[in-house]
Protein backbone atom coordinates (compact mmCIF):
# COMPACT_ATOMS: atom_id res chain seq x y z
CA MET A 1 -26.70 -18.62 -23.83
CA THR A 2 -29.73 -17.43 -25.75
CA TYR A 3 -30.66 -16.85 -29.38
CA SER A 4 -31.62 -13.65 -31.17
CA ILE A 5 -33.44 -13.20 -34.45
CA TRP A 6 -32.08 -10.45 -36.65
CA LEU A 7 -32.88 -8.71 -39.89
CA GLU A 8 -29.68 -8.07 -41.86
CA PRO A 9 -29.22 -5.34 -44.45
CA SER A 10 -28.77 -5.85 -48.18
CA VAL A 11 -25.25 -5.99 -49.62
CA ALA A 12 -24.95 -2.26 -50.40
CA ASP A 13 -26.33 -1.08 -47.06
CA ARG A 14 -24.37 -3.76 -45.17
CA ALA A 15 -21.06 -2.57 -46.65
CA CYS A 16 -21.64 1.02 -45.59
CA LEU A 17 -22.78 0.08 -42.09
CA LYS A 18 -19.97 -2.44 -41.57
CA LYS A 19 -17.48 0.28 -42.39
CA ILE A 20 -18.95 2.61 -39.73
CA ILE A 21 -19.06 -0.18 -37.11
CA ALA A 22 -15.48 -1.29 -37.84
CA LYS A 23 -14.14 2.25 -37.71
CA LEU A 24 -15.84 2.97 -34.38
CA ALA A 25 -14.70 -0.39 -32.95
CA LYS A 26 -11.09 0.27 -33.91
CA GLU A 27 -11.09 3.85 -32.68
CA TYR A 28 -12.73 3.10 -29.32
CA GLY A 29 -11.59 -0.47 -28.59
CA ALA A 30 -15.05 -1.95 -28.97
CA PRO A 31 -16.16 -5.28 -30.45
CA VAL A 32 -16.91 -5.63 -34.15
CA PHE A 33 -20.31 -7.09 -35.07
CA LEU A 34 -22.56 -7.42 -38.10
CA PRO A 35 -25.11 -4.65 -38.74
CA HIS A 36 -28.61 -5.78 -37.81
CA ILE A 37 -31.99 -5.03 -36.32
CA THR A 38 -32.87 -7.44 -33.53
CA VAL A 39 -36.54 -8.32 -34.01
CA TYR A 40 -36.57 -10.88 -31.20
CA GLY A 41 -34.13 -11.77 -28.46
CA GLY A 42 -33.84 -13.98 -25.43
CA VAL A 43 -35.03 -17.13 -27.18
CA LYS A 44 -34.07 -20.12 -25.02
CA THR A 45 -33.51 -22.82 -27.64
CA ARG A 46 -31.87 -22.92 -31.03
CA SER A 47 -34.59 -25.07 -32.59
CA LEU A 48 -37.35 -22.68 -31.51
CA ALA A 49 -35.47 -19.65 -32.86
CA VAL A 50 -34.67 -21.32 -36.19
CA GLU A 51 -38.21 -22.60 -36.68
CA ALA A 52 -39.68 -19.17 -35.93
CA ALA A 53 -37.24 -17.48 -38.36
CA GLN A 54 -37.94 -20.06 -41.08
CA ASN A 55 -41.63 -19.22 -40.81
CA CYS A 56 -40.80 -15.59 -41.75
CA LYS A 57 -38.70 -16.26 -44.85
CA ASP A 58 -41.65 -15.79 -47.23
CA ILE A 59 -41.85 -12.15 -46.22
CA SER A 60 -40.58 -9.69 -48.82
CA ARG A 61 -37.44 -7.70 -48.23
CA ILE A 62 -38.05 -4.69 -46.06
CA VAL A 63 -37.24 -1.05 -46.68
CA VAL A 64 -37.13 1.05 -43.51
CA SER A 65 -36.75 4.75 -42.89
CA THR A 66 -34.10 6.01 -40.50
CA LYS A 67 -34.84 8.71 -37.94
CA GLY A 68 -31.25 9.71 -37.19
CA ILE A 69 -28.40 8.77 -34.90
CA ARG A 70 -29.27 8.45 -31.21
CA PHE A 71 -27.46 7.31 -28.07
CA SER A 72 -28.23 6.02 -24.60
CA ASP A 73 -26.54 4.75 -21.44
CA PHE A 74 -27.67 1.20 -22.23
CA LEU A 75 -24.71 -0.81 -23.62
CA TRP A 76 -26.71 -2.41 -26.45
CA LYS A 77 -27.86 1.05 -27.57
CA THR A 78 -24.69 3.05 -26.94
CA LEU A 79 -24.84 4.76 -30.34
CA TYR A 80 -27.45 3.61 -32.84
CA VAL A 81 -29.54 4.38 -35.89
CA GLU A 82 -33.15 4.84 -34.85
CA ILE A 83 -35.45 3.01 -37.25
CA ARG A 84 -38.99 4.17 -37.96
CA ASN A 85 -41.26 1.25 -37.16
CA ASN A 86 -43.55 0.15 -39.97
CA SER A 87 -46.27 -2.42 -40.53
CA THR A 88 -43.86 -5.06 -41.90
CA LEU A 89 -41.48 -4.82 -38.94
CA THR A 90 -44.43 -5.00 -36.56
CA ALA A 91 -45.87 -8.00 -38.41
CA ILE A 92 -42.56 -9.90 -38.23
CA HIS A 93 -42.20 -9.16 -34.53
CA LYS A 94 -45.79 -10.24 -33.82
CA GLN A 95 -45.42 -13.41 -35.88
CA LEU A 96 -42.27 -14.34 -33.95
CA GLY A 97 -43.99 -13.51 -30.66
CA GLY A 98 -46.80 -15.89 -31.53
CA GLU A 99 -44.28 -18.73 -31.79
CA ILE A 100 -41.86 -17.83 -28.99
CA PRO A 101 -43.03 -17.85 -25.36
CA THR A 102 -40.47 -15.24 -24.24
CA LYS A 103 -41.61 -11.59 -24.29
CA TYR A 104 -39.34 -9.15 -26.14
CA ASP A 105 -39.80 -5.37 -26.16
CA PHE A 106 -39.22 -4.36 -29.77
CA GLU A 107 -37.67 -0.93 -30.35
CA PRO A 108 -36.33 -0.95 -33.92
CA HIS A 109 -32.73 0.28 -34.05
CA LEU A 110 -29.40 -0.60 -35.58
CA SER A 111 -26.50 -0.33 -33.14
CA LEU A 112 -23.21 1.15 -34.32
CA ILE A 113 -21.03 0.50 -31.24
CA TYR A 114 -21.25 -1.39 -27.94
CA LYS A 115 -19.08 0.50 -25.48
CA LYS A 116 -19.57 2.55 -22.31
CA MET A 117 -18.64 6.07 -23.38
CA PRO A 118 -18.89 9.58 -21.98
CA ARG A 119 -21.96 11.52 -23.10
CA ARG A 120 -19.83 14.21 -24.77
CA VAL A 121 -18.14 11.59 -27.00
CA LYS A 122 -21.52 10.17 -28.03
CA LEU A 123 -22.76 13.68 -28.79
CA GLU A 124 -19.72 14.35 -31.00
CA LEU A 125 -20.09 11.04 -32.84
CA ARG A 126 -23.79 11.63 -33.36
CA LYS A 127 -22.98 14.83 -35.24
CA LYS A 128 -20.29 13.20 -37.43
CA ILE A 129 -22.04 10.02 -38.54
CA THR A 130 -24.57 9.94 -41.34
CA VAL A 131 -26.51 7.02 -42.76
CA ASN A 132 -28.88 6.70 -45.68
CA PRO A 133 -32.45 7.88 -45.08
CA THR A 134 -33.68 4.40 -46.03
CA LEU A 135 -32.12 0.97 -45.53
CA THR A 136 -33.09 -2.35 -47.11
CA PHE A 137 -33.09 -5.61 -45.17
CA ASP A 138 -33.17 -8.85 -47.13
CA ARG A 139 -32.18 -11.60 -44.69
CA ILE A 140 -33.51 -13.06 -41.46
CA THR A 141 -30.84 -14.59 -39.24
CA VAL A 142 -30.62 -16.49 -35.98
CA ILE A 143 -27.61 -15.69 -33.80
CA ARG A 144 -26.39 -17.56 -30.76
CA SER A 145 -25.96 -14.53 -28.57
CA GLY A 146 -24.81 -13.65 -25.10
CA ALA A 147 -22.89 -11.09 -23.09
CA LEU A 148 -19.66 -11.41 -25.12
CA VAL A 149 -20.03 -10.15 -28.67
CA LYS A 150 -16.93 -12.03 -29.79
CA ASN A 151 -18.75 -15.30 -29.03
CA TRP A 152 -21.84 -14.52 -31.11
CA GLU A 153 -22.39 -17.07 -33.85
CA ARG A 154 -24.72 -17.17 -36.85
CA VAL A 155 -26.66 -20.45 -36.81
CA PHE A 156 -29.27 -19.86 -39.53
CA THR A 157 -29.88 -17.38 -42.35
CA ALA A 158 -32.62 -17.16 -44.96
CA ARG A 159 -33.09 -14.61 -47.72
CA LEU A 160 -36.35 -12.74 -47.70
CA ARG A 161 -38.28 -12.70 -50.98
């Protein structure tokens, strides 16, 4: 078991994204999860993850630009919204990295489904799904994570300024 540190979208953006995730999960027999950007993963202890996240809560809410829907063969990026990195996202990741000894390769994205799928299906879905050109994130969250999405558990959340 490890811990991940997420940014979660604001209420309006969260509702729209949750709807997409739930629809895809139902249609393709995939797990349902909360929309998020993982800014750090693989943290070994809860206390370290929570302390690092608490040290970021004075950051202002973040508005990011989306670059479109992408897909890959990697389960955690089956179908996702590519996020344009910006100075605030980079600063949060670097701040967390200064406090957490584990290295984490940060590629900003927001997954829409976790499921092995044929390429043609991902191509079709990519054409059908649209998301807002900008998304707002106003919470930092620590999740007890692992291989089974159904066992993920929120252990800490703080609103960003």
